[in-house]
N, C-alpha and C. Protein backbone atom coordinates (compact mmCIF):
# COMPACT_ATOMS: atom_id res chain seq x y z
N MET A 1 0.79 -1.36 -0.06
CA MET A 1 -0.11 0.03 0.05
C MET A 1 0.92 1.15 0.00
N ASP A 2 0.40 2.28 -0.78
CA ASP A 2 1.13 3.58 -0.74
C ASP A 2 0.98 4.24 0.69
N CYS A 3 1.90 4.35 1.27
CA CYS A 3 1.81 5.10 2.62
C CYS A 3 1.18 6.57 2.66
N SER A 4 1.04 7.17 1.49
CA SER A 4 0.22 8.42 1.32
C SER A 4 -1.28 8.05 1.31
N GLU A 5 -1.71 6.90 1.33
CA GLU A 5 -3.16 6.67 1.02
C GLU A 5 -4.02 7.07 2.29
N GLY A 6 -4.78 7.97 2.11
CA GLY A 6 -5.57 8.34 3.30
C GLY A 6 -5.09 9.48 3.80
N ILE A 7 -3.95 10.33 3.15
CA ILE A 7 -3.38 11.49 3.77
C ILE A 7 -3.59 12.62 2.44
N ASP A 8 -3.75 13.69 2.87
CA ASP A 8 -4.02 14.85 1.89
C ASP A 8 -3.78 16.10 2.67
N GLU A 9 -3.57 17.11 1.79
CA GLU A 9 -3.12 18.43 2.39
C GLU A 9 -4.10 18.97 3.29
N GLU A 10 -5.36 18.75 3.21
CA GLU A 10 -6.36 19.27 4.25
C GLU A 10 -6.25 18.44 5.41
N GLY A 11 -6.13 17.17 5.34
CA GLY A 11 -6.04 16.47 6.48
C GLY A 11 -4.66 16.70 7.26
N LEU A 12 -3.63 16.92 6.59
CA LEU A 12 -2.52 17.17 7.13
C LEU A 12 -2.49 18.36 7.96
N ALA A 13 -3.21 19.52 7.40
CA ALA A 13 -3.30 20.95 7.88
C ALA A 13 -4.24 20.63 9.31
N ARG A 14 -5.35 19.95 9.16
CA ARG A 14 -6.04 19.68 10.31
C ARG A 14 -5.40 19.05 11.43
N LEU A 15 -4.79 17.77 11.06
CA LEU A 15 -3.89 17.09 12.09
C LEU A 15 -2.79 18.05 12.74
N VAL A 16 -2.05 18.65 12.10
CA VAL A 16 -1.01 19.50 12.61
C VAL A 16 -1.56 20.42 13.52
N GLY A 17 -2.74 21.24 13.33
CA GLY A 17 -3.31 22.20 14.08
C GLY A 17 -3.80 21.63 15.38
N ARG A 18 -4.43 20.28 15.32
CA ARG A 18 -4.89 19.83 16.47
C ARG A 18 -3.81 19.18 17.33
N PHE A 19 -2.92 18.67 16.61
CA PHE A 19 -1.69 18.05 17.44
C PHE A 19 -1.17 19.07 18.12
N TYR A 20 -0.63 20.24 17.60
CA TYR A 20 0.16 21.24 18.28
C TYR A 20 -0.80 21.99 19.20
N ALA A 21 -2.06 22.08 19.28
CA ALA A 21 -3.00 22.55 20.19
C ALA A 21 -2.72 21.97 21.44
N LYS A 22 -2.70 20.39 21.45
CA LYS A 22 -2.32 19.39 22.46
C LYS A 22 -0.96 19.74 22.88
N VAL A 23 -0.05 19.95 22.08
CA VAL A 23 1.33 20.23 22.37
C VAL A 23 1.46 21.66 23.21
N ARG A 24 0.86 22.60 22.90
CA ARG A 24 0.86 23.73 23.46
C ARG A 24 0.36 23.88 24.88
N ALA A 25 -0.66 23.11 25.02
CA ALA A 25 -1.53 22.94 26.41
C ALA A 25 -0.86 21.86 27.25
N ASP A 26 0.19 21.06 26.78
CA ASP A 26 0.83 20.01 27.69
C ASP A 26 1.91 20.75 28.65
N GLU A 27 1.60 20.25 29.80
CA GLU A 27 2.57 20.72 31.05
C GLU A 27 4.02 20.48 30.58
N LEU A 28 4.26 19.27 30.21
CA LEU A 28 5.79 19.08 30.11
C LEU A 28 6.38 19.75 28.81
N ILE A 29 5.81 19.60 27.81
CA ILE A 29 6.47 20.09 26.53
C ILE A 29 5.93 21.51 26.15
N GLY A 30 4.83 21.83 26.50
CA GLY A 30 4.15 22.95 26.22
C GLY A 30 4.95 24.24 26.22
N PRO A 31 5.56 24.35 27.50
CA PRO A 31 6.37 25.66 27.70
C PRO A 31 7.61 25.78 26.88
N VAL A 32 8.16 24.71 26.29
CA VAL A 32 9.23 24.91 25.39
C VAL A 32 8.85 25.22 24.05
N PHE A 33 7.72 24.71 23.53
CA PHE A 33 7.20 25.14 22.20
C PHE A 33 6.71 26.58 22.29
N ASN A 34 5.82 26.99 23.50
CA ASN A 34 5.46 28.15 23.56
C ASN A 34 6.51 29.37 23.56
N ASP A 35 7.58 28.95 24.46
CA ASP A 35 8.72 30.03 24.31
C ASP A 35 9.37 30.11 23.03
N ALA A 36 9.53 28.85 22.42
CA ALA A 36 10.27 28.93 21.03
C ALA A 36 9.47 29.68 19.73
N ILE A 37 8.10 29.47 19.78
CA ILE A 37 7.39 29.90 18.63
C ILE A 37 6.82 31.28 18.94
N ASP A 38 7.13 32.39 17.98
CA ASP A 38 6.46 33.59 18.14
C ASP A 38 5.25 33.77 17.22
N ASP A 39 5.23 33.07 16.19
CA ASP A 39 3.93 33.14 15.05
C ASP A 39 3.53 31.68 14.90
N TRP A 40 2.55 31.34 15.89
CA TRP A 40 2.03 30.10 15.38
C TRP A 40 1.40 29.77 14.29
N PRO A 41 0.58 30.62 13.56
CA PRO A 41 0.03 30.35 12.37
C PRO A 41 1.19 29.93 11.40
N GLU A 42 2.14 30.85 11.23
CA GLU A 42 3.32 30.59 10.29
C GLU A 42 3.87 29.37 10.66
N HIS A 43 4.06 28.93 11.91
CA HIS A 43 4.89 27.87 12.40
C HIS A 43 4.03 26.60 11.84
N LEU A 44 2.72 26.75 12.03
CA LEU A 44 1.83 25.55 11.64
C LEU A 44 1.87 25.24 10.13
N GLU A 45 1.91 26.35 9.37
CA GLU A 45 2.08 26.19 7.95
C GLU A 45 3.34 25.49 7.53
N LYS A 46 4.36 25.65 8.30
CA LYS A 46 5.78 25.35 7.96
C LYS A 46 5.78 23.75 8.47
N LEU A 47 5.12 23.50 9.57
CA LEU A 47 4.87 22.07 9.78
C LEU A 47 4.03 21.27 8.90
N THR A 48 3.01 21.86 8.53
CA THR A 48 2.08 21.18 7.41
C THR A 48 2.92 20.90 6.21
N ALA A 49 3.79 21.80 5.69
CA ALA A 49 4.63 21.70 4.52
C ALA A 49 5.64 20.50 4.77
N PHE A 50 6.26 20.52 6.15
CA PHE A 50 7.11 19.54 6.43
C PHE A 50 6.53 18.21 6.33
N TRP A 51 5.27 17.86 6.85
CA TRP A 51 4.47 16.61 6.78
C TRP A 51 4.19 16.47 5.40
N SER A 52 3.81 17.33 4.65
CA SER A 52 3.49 17.08 3.17
C SER A 52 4.53 16.55 2.37
N SER A 53 5.72 17.22 2.50
CA SER A 53 6.99 16.88 1.83
C SER A 53 7.45 15.49 2.28
N LEU A 54 7.35 15.16 3.45
CA LEU A 54 7.45 13.70 4.07
C LEU A 54 6.61 12.52 3.46
N MET A 55 5.30 12.80 3.68
CA MET A 55 4.27 11.72 3.33
C MET A 55 3.69 11.94 1.91
N LEU A 56 3.70 13.05 1.28
CA LEU A 56 3.09 13.16 -0.11
C LEU A 56 4.36 13.48 -1.10
N THR A 57 5.58 13.74 -0.70
CA THR A 57 6.59 13.98 -1.49
C THR A 57 6.28 15.26 -2.37
N THR A 58 5.84 16.29 -1.70
CA THR A 58 5.56 17.50 -2.47
C THR A 58 6.67 18.43 -2.52
N GLY A 59 7.64 18.37 -1.72
CA GLY A 59 8.76 19.21 -1.73
C GLY A 59 8.49 20.50 -1.31
N ARG A 60 7.37 20.80 -0.51
CA ARG A 60 6.87 22.06 -0.02
C ARG A 60 7.73 22.56 0.85
N TYR A 61 8.30 21.67 1.90
CA TYR A 61 9.12 22.15 3.05
C TYR A 61 10.55 22.50 2.60
N LYS A 62 11.14 23.66 3.05
CA LYS A 62 12.38 24.34 2.77
C LYS A 62 12.82 24.75 4.09
N GLY A 63 13.72 23.95 4.68
CA GLY A 63 14.29 24.39 6.02
C GLY A 63 15.16 23.23 6.49
N THR A 64 15.62 23.47 7.72
CA THR A 64 16.52 22.52 8.40
C THR A 64 16.02 22.32 9.84
N PRO A 65 15.22 21.34 9.93
CA PRO A 65 14.49 21.06 11.31
C PRO A 65 15.50 20.89 12.41
N MET A 66 16.66 20.30 12.06
CA MET A 66 17.62 19.87 13.19
C MET A 66 18.29 21.05 13.63
N ALA A 67 18.63 22.16 12.82
CA ALA A 67 19.33 23.42 13.27
C ALA A 67 18.21 23.98 14.20
N ALA A 68 16.95 24.06 13.92
CA ALA A 68 15.97 24.72 14.68
C ALA A 68 15.96 24.18 15.97
N HIS A 69 15.87 22.81 16.14
CA HIS A 69 15.95 21.96 17.40
C HIS A 69 17.10 22.30 18.29
N LEU A 70 18.35 22.20 17.64
CA LEU A 70 19.54 22.21 18.19
C LEU A 70 19.60 23.53 19.18
N LYS A 71 18.91 24.62 18.82
CA LYS A 71 18.94 25.89 19.58
C LYS A 71 18.38 25.65 20.99
N HIS A 72 17.36 24.60 21.15
CA HIS A 72 16.76 24.44 22.24
C HIS A 72 17.27 23.13 23.14
N ARG A 73 18.56 22.67 22.66
CA ARG A 73 18.98 21.36 23.28
C ARG A 73 19.01 21.40 24.89
N ALA A 74 19.54 22.44 25.38
CA ALA A 74 19.58 22.52 26.87
C ALA A 74 18.38 22.40 27.68
N ARG A 75 17.21 22.55 26.87
CA ARG A 75 15.95 22.45 27.69
C ARG A 75 15.18 21.10 27.44
N LEU A 76 15.78 20.25 26.43
CA LEU A 76 15.08 19.22 25.98
C LEU A 76 15.70 17.80 26.74
N THR A 77 14.76 16.99 27.01
CA THR A 77 14.99 15.54 27.60
C THR A 77 14.38 14.57 26.94
N PRO A 78 14.92 13.27 27.31
CA PRO A 78 14.22 12.18 26.55
C PRO A 78 12.78 12.09 26.68
N ALA A 79 12.31 12.39 27.92
CA ALA A 79 10.86 12.24 28.46
C ALA A 79 10.08 13.17 27.67
N MET A 80 10.46 14.35 27.13
CA MET A 80 9.91 15.21 26.31
C MET A 80 9.54 14.76 24.84
N PHE A 81 10.50 13.90 24.40
CA PHE A 81 10.31 13.16 22.99
C PHE A 81 9.26 12.10 23.39
N GLU A 82 9.22 11.50 24.20
CA GLU A 82 8.31 10.27 24.61
C GLU A 82 6.82 11.04 24.58
N ARG A 83 6.99 12.18 25.36
CA ARG A 83 5.50 12.83 25.45
C ARG A 83 5.06 13.20 24.10
N TRP A 84 6.03 13.88 23.27
CA TRP A 84 5.75 14.46 21.82
C TRP A 84 5.09 13.17 21.03
N LEU A 85 5.96 12.12 21.15
CA LEU A 85 5.28 10.94 20.45
C LEU A 85 4.10 10.45 20.96
N GLY A 86 3.76 10.43 21.99
CA GLY A 86 2.42 10.00 22.75
C GLY A 86 1.45 10.76 22.07
N LEU A 87 1.58 12.02 22.10
CA LEU A 87 0.62 13.02 21.72
C LEU A 87 0.34 12.75 20.16
N TRP A 88 1.43 12.71 19.51
CA TRP A 88 1.40 12.37 17.98
C TRP A 88 0.57 11.13 17.65
N ARG A 89 0.92 9.91 18.37
CA ARG A 89 0.23 8.65 18.34
C ARG A 89 -1.31 8.84 18.60
N GLU A 90 -1.65 9.60 19.48
CA GLU A 90 -3.00 9.71 19.88
C GLU A 90 -3.79 10.70 18.68
N THR A 91 -3.22 11.79 18.40
CA THR A 91 -3.78 12.51 17.59
C THR A 91 -3.98 12.18 15.95
N THR A 92 -2.83 11.29 15.62
CA THR A 92 -2.88 10.86 14.35
C THR A 92 -3.95 9.73 14.38
N ALA A 93 -4.07 8.83 15.40
CA ALA A 93 -5.21 7.90 15.46
C ALA A 93 -6.53 8.54 15.53
N GLU A 94 -6.75 9.50 15.84
CA GLU A 94 -7.84 10.35 16.08
C GLU A 94 -8.28 10.93 14.64
N GLU A 95 -7.27 11.47 13.91
CA GLU A 95 -7.55 12.19 12.66
C GLU A 95 -7.34 11.43 11.41
N MET A 96 -6.56 10.38 11.29
CA MET A 96 -6.16 9.71 10.10
C MET A 96 -6.81 8.31 10.03
N PRO A 97 -6.98 7.67 8.83
CA PRO A 97 -7.52 6.31 8.81
C PRO A 97 -6.32 5.49 9.48
N PRO A 98 -6.52 4.29 9.70
CA PRO A 98 -5.50 3.58 10.45
C PRO A 98 -4.12 3.25 9.69
N GLN A 99 -4.27 2.93 8.65
CA GLN A 99 -2.97 2.62 7.88
C GLN A 99 -2.13 4.22 7.76
N ALA A 100 -2.89 5.29 7.47
CA ALA A 100 -2.20 6.38 7.34
C ALA A 100 -1.73 6.93 8.81
N ALA A 101 -2.30 6.81 9.73
CA ALA A 101 -1.92 7.01 11.14
C ALA A 101 -0.52 6.36 11.48
N ALA A 102 -0.66 5.03 10.99
CA ALA A 102 0.42 4.06 11.43
C ALA A 102 1.78 4.60 10.57
N ALA A 103 1.49 4.87 9.30
CA ALA A 103 2.51 5.30 8.55
C ALA A 103 3.43 6.74 9.08
N MET A 104 2.24 7.68 9.44
CA MET A 104 2.75 8.91 10.04
C MET A 104 3.49 8.66 11.58
N GLN A 105 3.01 7.74 12.32
CA GLN A 105 3.83 7.37 13.52
C GLN A 105 5.07 6.61 13.17
N ALA A 106 5.03 5.88 12.37
CA ALA A 106 6.57 5.31 11.98
C ALA A 106 7.35 6.34 11.61
N LYS A 107 6.93 7.14 10.82
CA LYS A 107 7.97 8.39 10.25
C LYS A 107 8.31 9.25 11.41
N ALA A 108 7.28 9.57 12.40
CA ALA A 108 7.71 10.40 13.58
C ALA A 108 8.64 9.53 14.51
N ASN A 109 8.48 8.50 14.65
CA ASN A 109 9.44 7.50 15.62
C ASN A 109 10.70 7.67 15.13
N ARG A 110 11.00 7.49 13.71
CA ARG A 110 12.14 7.67 13.16
C ARG A 110 13.03 9.04 13.24
N ILE A 111 12.09 10.00 13.03
CA ILE A 111 12.61 11.40 13.31
C ILE A 111 12.87 11.68 14.75
N ALA A 112 12.13 11.29 15.63
CA ALA A 112 12.52 11.41 17.09
C ALA A 112 13.68 10.72 17.33
N GLU A 113 13.80 9.72 16.92
CA GLU A 113 15.13 8.99 17.24
C GLU A 113 16.38 9.63 16.68
N SER A 114 16.34 9.99 15.56
CA SER A 114 17.40 11.03 14.91
C SER A 114 17.64 12.17 15.62
N PHE A 115 16.53 12.85 16.06
CA PHE A 115 16.72 14.09 16.98
C PHE A 115 17.00 13.70 18.25
N LYS A 116 16.80 12.72 18.78
CA LYS A 116 17.27 12.44 20.24
C LYS A 116 18.79 12.17 20.15
N LEU A 117 19.09 11.50 19.23
CA LEU A 117 20.61 11.26 19.03
C LEU A 117 21.42 12.29 18.90
N ALA A 118 21.08 13.25 18.02
CA ALA A 118 21.73 14.46 17.63
C ALA A 118 21.69 15.50 19.07
N LEU A 119 20.54 15.44 19.39
CA LEU A 119 20.46 16.62 20.68
C LEU A 119 21.01 16.10 21.89
N MET A 120 21.06 14.84 22.05
CA MET A 120 21.49 14.26 23.42
C MET A 120 22.98 14.00 23.38
N LEU A 121 23.50 13.76 22.48
CA LEU A 121 24.89 13.47 22.10
C LEU A 121 25.78 14.70 22.44
N LYS A 122 26.84 14.57 23.11
CA LYS A 122 27.68 15.79 23.37
C LYS A 122 28.51 16.13 21.91
N LEU A 123 28.10 17.11 21.27
CA LEU A 123 28.74 17.53 19.86
C LEU A 123 29.90 18.25 20.00
N ASP A 124 30.33 18.36 21.07
CA ASP A 124 31.59 19.24 21.28
C ASP A 124 32.76 18.24 20.78
N PRO A 125 33.84 18.83 20.04
CA PRO A 125 34.93 17.75 19.81
C PRO A 125 35.81 17.52 21.08
N ALA A 126 36.21 16.28 21.22
CA ALA A 126 37.02 15.68 22.11
C ALA A 126 38.28 16.57 22.29
N PRO A 127 38.67 16.75 23.42
CA PRO A 127 40.12 17.53 23.55
C PRO A 127 41.28 16.52 23.12
N VAL A 128 42.12 17.07 22.32
CA VAL A 128 43.19 16.36 21.91
C VAL A 128 44.19 16.41 23.05
N PRO A 129 44.88 15.17 23.44
CA PRO A 129 45.87 15.27 24.44
C PRO A 129 47.10 15.96 23.87
N ALA A 130 47.76 16.64 24.75
CA ALA A 130 49.07 17.18 24.43
C ALA A 130 50.12 16.03 24.20
N ALA A 131 51.05 16.34 22.99
CA ALA A 131 52.02 15.39 22.87
C ALA A 131 53.27 15.55 23.67
């Protein structure tokens, strides 16, 4: 089955809006997002374009999500990623047909793992011992 079956632009926009409404209200991760985002309507459009590019291969998203998240590395914890994924699973299950929800959940799991690795690793170069 095509992983984009049951996914369209309108559904993605609705999903992203409802998901980030939950994120913003969440006690654990809401403060980080609310502090980081100045223009929510613009950010929601960017996030919709991101998911459109991933799931529908539209190429609409132009950006570097890792760089955006690295700026907030000091505030992020593994528990926050788990909470984000839990809300994502819940919202995709509510908003999408089961196979589309499963495809989007799988993609989100891979993204979260990549982000956790990059954000949690100490990216400073190791000191070189004096000879």
